[in-house]
Amino acid sequence: MKYKIDKTDLFINNKLHPEGSEIELTKEQTKGIEDFLIPVNHNPELTEGHPVQSEGSEIKVTQTKNKGNKK
């Protein structure tokens, strides 16, 4: 799986990988460094959590009025 390195540089497989770079690692290789890796998934159908906007798609924003206390 592909990961983006976060918060630090990592020395993996005799190579220095700077923060922000992407690296392909196995589950076994991520043990102990999970806090410094962000999974990179380029397939929106498989992404968990926040929705991903693909090129050419629209995001609709709806504004509502607060009907709470008026001063």
N, C-alpha and C. Protein backbone atom coordinates (compact mmCIF):
# COMPACT_ATOMS: atom_id res chain seq x y z
N MET A 1 0.85 -1.18 0.00
CA MET A 1 0.00 0.00 0.00
C MET A 1 0.89 1.23 0.00
N LYS A 2 0.39 2.32 -0.56
CA LYS A 2 1.15 3.55 -0.66
C LYS A 2 0.81 4.46 0.53
N TYR A 3 1.85 5.12 1.08
CA TYR A 3 1.69 6.00 2.23
C TYR A 3 2.42 7.32 1.97
N LYS A 4 1.91 8.39 2.59
CA LYS A 4 2.59 9.68 2.58
C LYS A 4 3.24 9.85 3.95
N ILE A 5 4.50 10.26 3.97
CA ILE A 5 5.23 10.42 5.22
C ILE A 5 4.85 11.75 5.84
N ASP A 6 4.54 11.72 7.15
CA ASP A 6 4.04 12.89 7.87
C ASP A 6 4.85 13.14 9.13
N LYS A 7 5.11 14.40 9.45
CA LYS A 7 5.71 14.86 10.70
C LYS A 7 7.20 14.61 10.85
N THR A 8 7.83 13.88 9.94
CA THR A 8 9.25 13.56 10.10
C THR A 8 9.81 13.00 8.79
N ASP A 9 11.11 12.83 8.75
CA ASP A 9 11.76 12.09 7.67
C ASP A 9 11.93 10.67 8.18
N LEU A 10 11.87 9.69 7.29
CA LEU A 10 12.05 8.30 7.70
C LEU A 10 13.17 7.64 6.91
N PHE A 11 13.98 6.85 7.61
CA PHE A 11 15.05 6.09 6.99
C PHE A 11 14.56 4.65 6.86
N ILE A 12 14.20 4.24 5.65
CA ILE A 12 13.62 2.92 5.41
C ILE A 12 14.38 2.26 4.26
N ASN A 13 14.74 1.00 4.46
CA ASN A 13 15.45 0.23 3.43
C ASN A 13 16.71 0.95 2.95
N ASN A 14 17.49 1.46 3.90
CA ASN A 14 18.76 2.15 3.61
C ASN A 14 18.60 3.39 2.74
N LYS A 15 17.42 4.03 2.82
CA LYS A 15 17.17 5.24 2.05
C LYS A 15 16.39 6.24 2.91
N LEU A 16 16.79 7.51 2.84
CA LEU A 16 16.10 8.56 3.57
C LEU A 16 14.93 9.07 2.74
N HIS A 17 13.74 9.02 3.33
CA HIS A 17 12.52 9.50 2.68
C HIS A 17 12.06 10.75 3.43
N PRO A 18 12.09 11.93 2.78
CA PRO A 18 11.71 13.17 3.46
C PRO A 18 10.21 13.26 3.73
N GLU A 19 9.87 14.09 4.70
CA GLU A 19 8.46 14.34 5.02
C GLU A 19 7.74 14.81 3.76
N GLY A 20 6.53 14.29 3.56
CA GLY A 20 5.72 14.67 2.41
C GLY A 20 5.89 13.75 1.21
N SER A 21 6.91 12.89 1.24
CA SER A 21 7.10 11.98 0.11
C SER A 21 6.18 10.78 0.25
N GLU A 22 5.93 10.10 -0.86
CA GLU A 22 5.09 8.91 -0.86
C GLU A 22 5.97 7.68 -1.04
N ILE A 23 5.59 6.61 -0.33
CA ILE A 23 6.39 5.39 -0.35
C ILE A 23 5.46 4.18 -0.33
N GLU A 24 5.85 3.15 -1.02
CA GLU A 24 5.09 1.89 -1.06
C GLU A 24 5.64 0.99 0.05
N LEU A 25 4.77 0.56 0.97
CA LEU A 25 5.17 -0.30 2.09
C LEU A 25 4.16 -1.41 2.29
N THR A 26 4.64 -2.53 2.84
CA THR A 26 3.74 -3.60 3.23
C THR A 26 3.22 -3.31 4.63
N LYS A 27 2.17 -4.02 5.05
CA LYS A 27 1.64 -3.87 6.42
C LYS A 27 2.73 -4.14 7.44
N GLU A 28 3.53 -5.16 7.17
CA GLU A 28 4.62 -5.53 8.09
C GLU A 28 5.63 -4.39 8.23
N GLN A 29 5.94 -3.69 7.16
CA GLN A 29 6.92 -2.60 7.19
C GLN A 29 6.40 -1.37 7.93
N THR A 30 5.09 -1.23 8.08
CA THR A 30 4.53 -0.05 8.75
C THR A 30 4.49 -0.19 10.26
N LYS A 31 4.72 -1.39 10.78
CA LYS A 31 4.65 -1.60 12.23
C LYS A 31 5.68 -0.74 12.94
N GLY A 32 5.19 0.03 13.92
CA GLY A 32 6.05 0.89 14.72
C GLY A 32 6.19 2.31 14.19
N ILE A 33 5.77 2.54 12.94
CA ILE A 33 5.87 3.89 12.38
C ILE A 33 4.52 4.40 11.87
N GLU A 34 3.43 3.76 12.32
CA GLU A 34 2.09 4.10 11.85
C GLU A 34 1.75 5.57 12.09
N ASP A 35 2.26 6.16 13.18
CA ASP A 35 1.94 7.55 13.52
C ASP A 35 2.53 8.55 12.51
N PHE A 36 3.45 8.09 11.69
CA PHE A 36 4.11 8.97 10.73
C PHE A 36 3.70 8.68 9.29
N LEU A 37 2.68 7.87 9.12
CA LEU A 37 2.24 7.50 7.78
C LEU A 37 0.76 7.81 7.58
N ILE A 38 0.43 8.35 6.42
CA ILE A 38 -0.94 8.61 6.03
C ILE A 38 -1.21 7.75 4.80
N PRO A 39 -2.20 6.85 4.88
CA PRO A 39 -2.50 6.02 3.70
C PRO A 39 -2.90 6.89 2.51
N VAL A 40 -2.36 6.59 1.35
CA VAL A 40 -2.69 7.30 0.12
C VAL A 40 -3.50 6.34 -0.74
N ASN A 41 -4.71 6.77 -1.07
CA ASN A 41 -5.57 5.91 -1.87
C ASN A 41 -6.11 6.75 -3.00
N HIS A 42 -5.73 6.43 -4.21
CA HIS A 42 -6.15 7.21 -5.36
C HIS A 42 -7.47 6.73 -5.95
N ASN A 43 -8.11 5.75 -5.31
CA ASN A 43 -9.40 5.24 -5.77
C ASN A 43 -10.47 5.72 -4.79
N PRO A 44 -11.29 6.72 -5.15
CA PRO A 44 -12.28 7.28 -4.23
C PRO A 44 -13.29 6.25 -3.70
N GLU A 45 -13.55 5.20 -4.45
CA GLU A 45 -14.51 4.20 -4.00
C GLU A 45 -13.99 3.41 -2.80
N LEU A 46 -12.68 3.37 -2.64
CA LEU A 46 -12.09 2.62 -1.54
C LEU A 46 -11.69 3.50 -0.37
N THR A 47 -11.79 4.81 -0.50
CA THR A 47 -11.36 5.73 0.55
C THR A 47 -12.37 5.72 1.69
N GLU A 48 -11.87 5.57 2.89
CA GLU A 48 -12.74 5.61 4.07
C GLU A 48 -12.69 7.00 4.67
N GLY A 49 -13.71 7.37 5.39
CA GLY A 49 -13.70 8.66 6.08
C GLY A 49 -14.27 9.75 5.20
N HIS A 50 -13.50 10.79 4.97
CA HIS A 50 -13.96 11.96 4.25
C HIS A 50 -14.13 11.67 2.76
N PRO A 51 -15.16 12.27 2.16
CA PRO A 51 -15.34 12.07 0.72
C PRO A 51 -14.23 12.74 -0.06
N VAL A 52 -13.93 12.20 -1.22
CA VAL A 52 -12.90 12.75 -2.07
C VAL A 52 -13.57 13.34 -3.30
N GLN A 53 -13.17 14.57 -3.68
CA GLN A 53 -13.74 15.18 -4.87
C GLN A 53 -12.88 14.81 -6.06
N SER A 54 -13.49 14.17 -7.03
CA SER A 54 -12.75 13.82 -8.23
C SER A 54 -12.84 14.96 -9.22
N GLU A 55 -11.92 14.97 -10.17
CA GLU A 55 -11.88 16.03 -11.16
C GLU A 55 -13.18 16.06 -11.95
N GLY A 56 -13.75 17.24 -12.09
CA GLY A 56 -14.98 17.39 -12.85
C GLY A 56 -16.24 17.21 -12.02
N SER A 57 -16.10 16.87 -10.73
CA SER A 57 -17.28 16.71 -9.90
C SER A 57 -17.59 18.01 -9.16
N GLU A 58 -18.80 18.12 -8.68
CA GLU A 58 -19.22 19.33 -7.98
C GLU A 58 -19.46 19.03 -6.51
N ILE A 59 -19.20 20.04 -5.70
CA ILE A 59 -19.56 19.97 -4.28
C ILE A 59 -20.62 21.04 -4.06
N LYS A 60 -21.76 20.66 -3.52
CA LYS A 60 -22.85 21.60 -3.29
C LYS A 60 -22.81 22.03 -1.82
N VAL A 61 -22.81 23.33 -1.61
CA VAL A 61 -22.80 23.88 -0.26
C VAL A 61 -24.14 24.58 -0.04
N THR A 62 -24.81 24.21 1.03
CA THR A 62 -26.10 24.80 1.34
C THR A 62 -25.98 25.61 2.62
N GLN A 63 -26.41 26.86 2.56
CA GLN A 63 -26.34 27.72 3.73
C GLN A 63 -27.72 27.78 4.37
N THR A 64 -27.77 27.59 5.67
CA THR A 64 -29.04 27.68 6.39
C THR A 64 -28.97 28.80 7.41
N LYS A 65 -30.12 29.37 7.71
CA LYS A 65 -30.16 30.43 8.71
C LYS A 65 -30.32 29.82 10.09
N ASN A 66 -29.66 30.42 11.07
CA ASN A 66 -29.77 29.99 12.44
C ASN A 66 -31.08 30.55 13.00
N LYS A 67 -32.00 29.68 13.36
CA LYS A 67 -33.29 30.12 13.88
C LYS A 67 -33.30 30.12 15.39
N GLY A 68 -32.12 30.21 15.97
CA GLY A 68 -32.00 30.21 17.43
C GLY A 68 -32.33 31.56 18.03
N ASN A 69 -31.67 31.90 19.10
CA ASN A 69 -31.93 33.16 19.81
C ASN A 69 -31.53 34.36 18.98
N LYS A 70 -32.47 35.31 18.84
CA LYS A 70 -32.16 36.56 18.13
C LYS A 70 -32.00 37.64 19.16
N LYS A 71 -31.00 38.48 18.98
CA LYS A 71 -30.78 39.59 19.92
C LYS A 71 -30.96 40.90 19.23
